[in-house]
Amino acid sequence: MSSTLVLIALMLSLSIAVVFPELQYSKTNKKVSNEYQLMVDKQRKGFVILGLIAIFSFFTALQTLSVTIFSLHLVVDVIFGIYAYTAFQVRSSTIQRTKFSYLDEFSDDDQNVEYLKQAV
């Protein structure tokens, strides 16, 4: 019984770690490039694959009481954490770069307007 509760808690924590940033991303970014969307789709596939491996290895380790499989599970958890951290860092830096380039376009227009105001 307790192994089932631990498995449910694990699935819930993995879901929270991935789903909340995904929801925040989908709310804030309506206009994205195809390259960026392709990168996000690949990252989501990676989350699903690593998450399923982690859940399966944890469930198997609890059912068989295997230390080796549980050690494999811990390694997969570490890889999942590093992958998630790196993926979200790449996304945030890409979004920031896009916003800064968007602001740079407006600053050129503002400079032109200021130049015209001074000329008149």
Protein backbone atom coordinates (compact mmCIF):
# COMPACT_ATOMS: atom_id res chain seq x y z
CA MET A 1 0.00 0.00 0.00
CA SER A 2 2.72 2.47 0.91
CA SER A 3 4.61 1.76 -2.33
CA THR A 4 1.51 2.77 -4.28
CA LEU A 5 1.30 6.04 -2.36
CA VAL A 6 4.99 6.70 -2.95
CA LEU A 7 4.53 6.00 -6.66
CA ILE A 8 1.57 8.38 -6.83
CA ALA A 9 3.58 11.05 -4.99
CA LEU A 10 6.46 10.54 -7.43
CA MET A 11 4.19 10.90 -10.46
CA LEU A 12 2.61 13.99 -8.94
CA SER A 13 5.96 15.64 -8.22
CA LEU A 14 7.26 14.87 -11.72
CA SER A 15 4.07 16.26 -13.20
CA ILE A 16 4.30 19.43 -11.15
CA ALA A 17 7.95 19.90 -12.09
CA VAL A 18 7.11 19.80 -15.79
CA VAL A 19 3.46 20.82 -16.11
CA PHE A 20 3.54 24.16 -14.26
CA PRO A 21 6.36 25.64 -16.37
CA GLU A 22 4.62 24.28 -19.48
CA LEU A 23 1.37 26.01 -18.53
CA GLN A 24 3.20 29.25 -17.85
CA TYR A 25 4.98 28.96 -21.20
CA SER A 26 1.78 28.34 -23.13
CA LYS A 27 0.01 31.32 -21.53
CA THR A 28 2.76 33.84 -22.20
CA ASN A 29 4.02 32.84 -25.64
CA LYS A 30 1.48 33.10 -28.38
CA LYS A 31 3.87 34.12 -31.17
CA VAL A 32 6.82 31.76 -31.48
CA SER A 33 8.91 30.65 -34.41
CA ASN A 34 8.70 27.20 -35.92
CA GLU A 35 12.26 26.43 -34.79
CA TYR A 36 11.39 27.29 -31.21
CA GLN A 37 8.22 25.20 -31.32
CA LEU A 38 10.21 22.25 -32.73
CA MET A 39 12.71 22.59 -29.87
CA VAL A 40 9.91 22.66 -27.29
CA ASP A 41 8.26 19.59 -28.84
CA LYS A 42 11.54 17.67 -28.68
CA GLN A 43 11.99 18.70 -25.05
CA ARG A 44 8.48 17.51 -24.23
CA LYS A 45 9.23 14.12 -25.78
CA GLY A 46 12.36 13.94 -23.65
CA PHE A 47 10.33 14.74 -20.53
CA VAL A 48 7.83 12.01 -21.34
CA ILE A 49 10.49 9.38 -22.07
CA LEU A 50 12.62 10.14 -19.00
CA GLY A 51 9.54 10.45 -16.79
CA LEU A 52 8.15 7.11 -17.89
CA ILE A 53 11.52 5.42 -17.40
CA ALA A 54 11.75 6.93 -13.90
CA ILE A 55 8.25 5.83 -12.95
CA PHE A 56 8.69 2.35 -14.40
CA SER A 57 12.06 1.82 -12.73
CA PHE A 58 10.73 3.06 -9.39
CA PHE A 59 7.66 0.82 -9.55
CA THR A 60 9.76 -2.18 -10.57
CA ALA A 61 12.31 -1.53 -7.82
CA LEU A 62 9.58 -1.36 -5.19
CA GLN A 63 7.83 -4.50 -6.39
CA THR A 64 11.01 -6.59 -6.68
CA LEU A 65 12.87 -4.89 -3.82
CA SER A 66 15.90 -4.62 -6.08
CA VAL A 67 18.66 -2.26 -4.99
CA THR A 68 20.20 -2.31 -8.47
CA ILE A 69 17.00 -1.18 -10.16
CA PHE A 70 16.47 1.47 -7.49
CA SER A 71 20.00 2.74 -8.10
CA LEU A 72 19.15 2.91 -11.81
CA HIS A 73 16.04 4.87 -10.86
CA LEU A 74 18.11 7.37 -8.88
CA VAL A 75 20.44 7.86 -11.85
CA VAL A 76 17.44 8.42 -14.14
CA ASP A 77 16.03 10.94 -11.64
CA VAL A 78 19.28 12.88 -11.65
CA ILE A 79 19.37 12.84 -15.46
CA PHE A 80 15.73 13.99 -15.55
CA GLY A 81 16.47 16.86 -13.17
CA ILE A 82 19.49 18.01 -15.14
CA TYR A 83 17.55 17.72 -18.40
CA ALA A 84 14.59 19.69 -17.04
CA TYR A 85 16.82 22.42 -15.60
CA THR A 86 18.79 22.75 -18.83
CA ALA A 87 15.67 22.71 -21.00
CA PHE A 88 13.98 25.47 -19.04
CA GLN A 89 17.17 27.55 -18.97
CA VAL A 90 17.44 27.28 -22.76
CA ARG A 91 13.80 28.25 -23.15
CA SER A 92 14.07 31.26 -20.86
CA SER A 93 17.24 32.52 -22.53
CA THR A 94 15.64 32.12 -25.95
CA ILE A 95 12.54 34.01 -24.81
CA GLN A 96 14.67 36.77 -23.30
CA ARG A 97 16.73 37.06 -26.49
CA THR A 98 13.52 37.32 -28.51
CA LYS A 99 12.13 40.02 -26.22
CA PHE A 100 15.37 42.00 -26.30
CA SER A 101 15.54 41.88 -30.09
CA TYR A 102 11.89 42.98 -30.17
CA LEU A 103 12.74 45.92 -27.88
CA ASP A 104 15.76 46.82 -30.01
CA GLU A 105 13.50 47.16 -33.05
CA PHE A 106 11.36 49.67 -31.18
CA SER A 107 14.32 51.62 -29.88
CA ASP A 108 15.43 52.28 -33.48
CA ASP A 109 11.97 53.63 -34.28
CA ASP A 110 12.03 55.78 -31.15
CA GLN A 111 15.38 57.22 -32.18
CA ASN A 112 13.98 58.09 -35.60
CA VAL A 113 11.00 59.83 -34.02
CA GLU A 114 13.28 61.80 -31.69
CA TYR A 115 15.44 62.81 -34.65
CA LEU A 116 12.36 64.04 -36.53
CA LYS A 117 11.15 65.98 -33.48
CA GLN A 118 14.50 67.71 -33.22
CA ALA A 119 14.48 68.52 -36.93
CA VAL A 120 11.06 70.19 -36.71
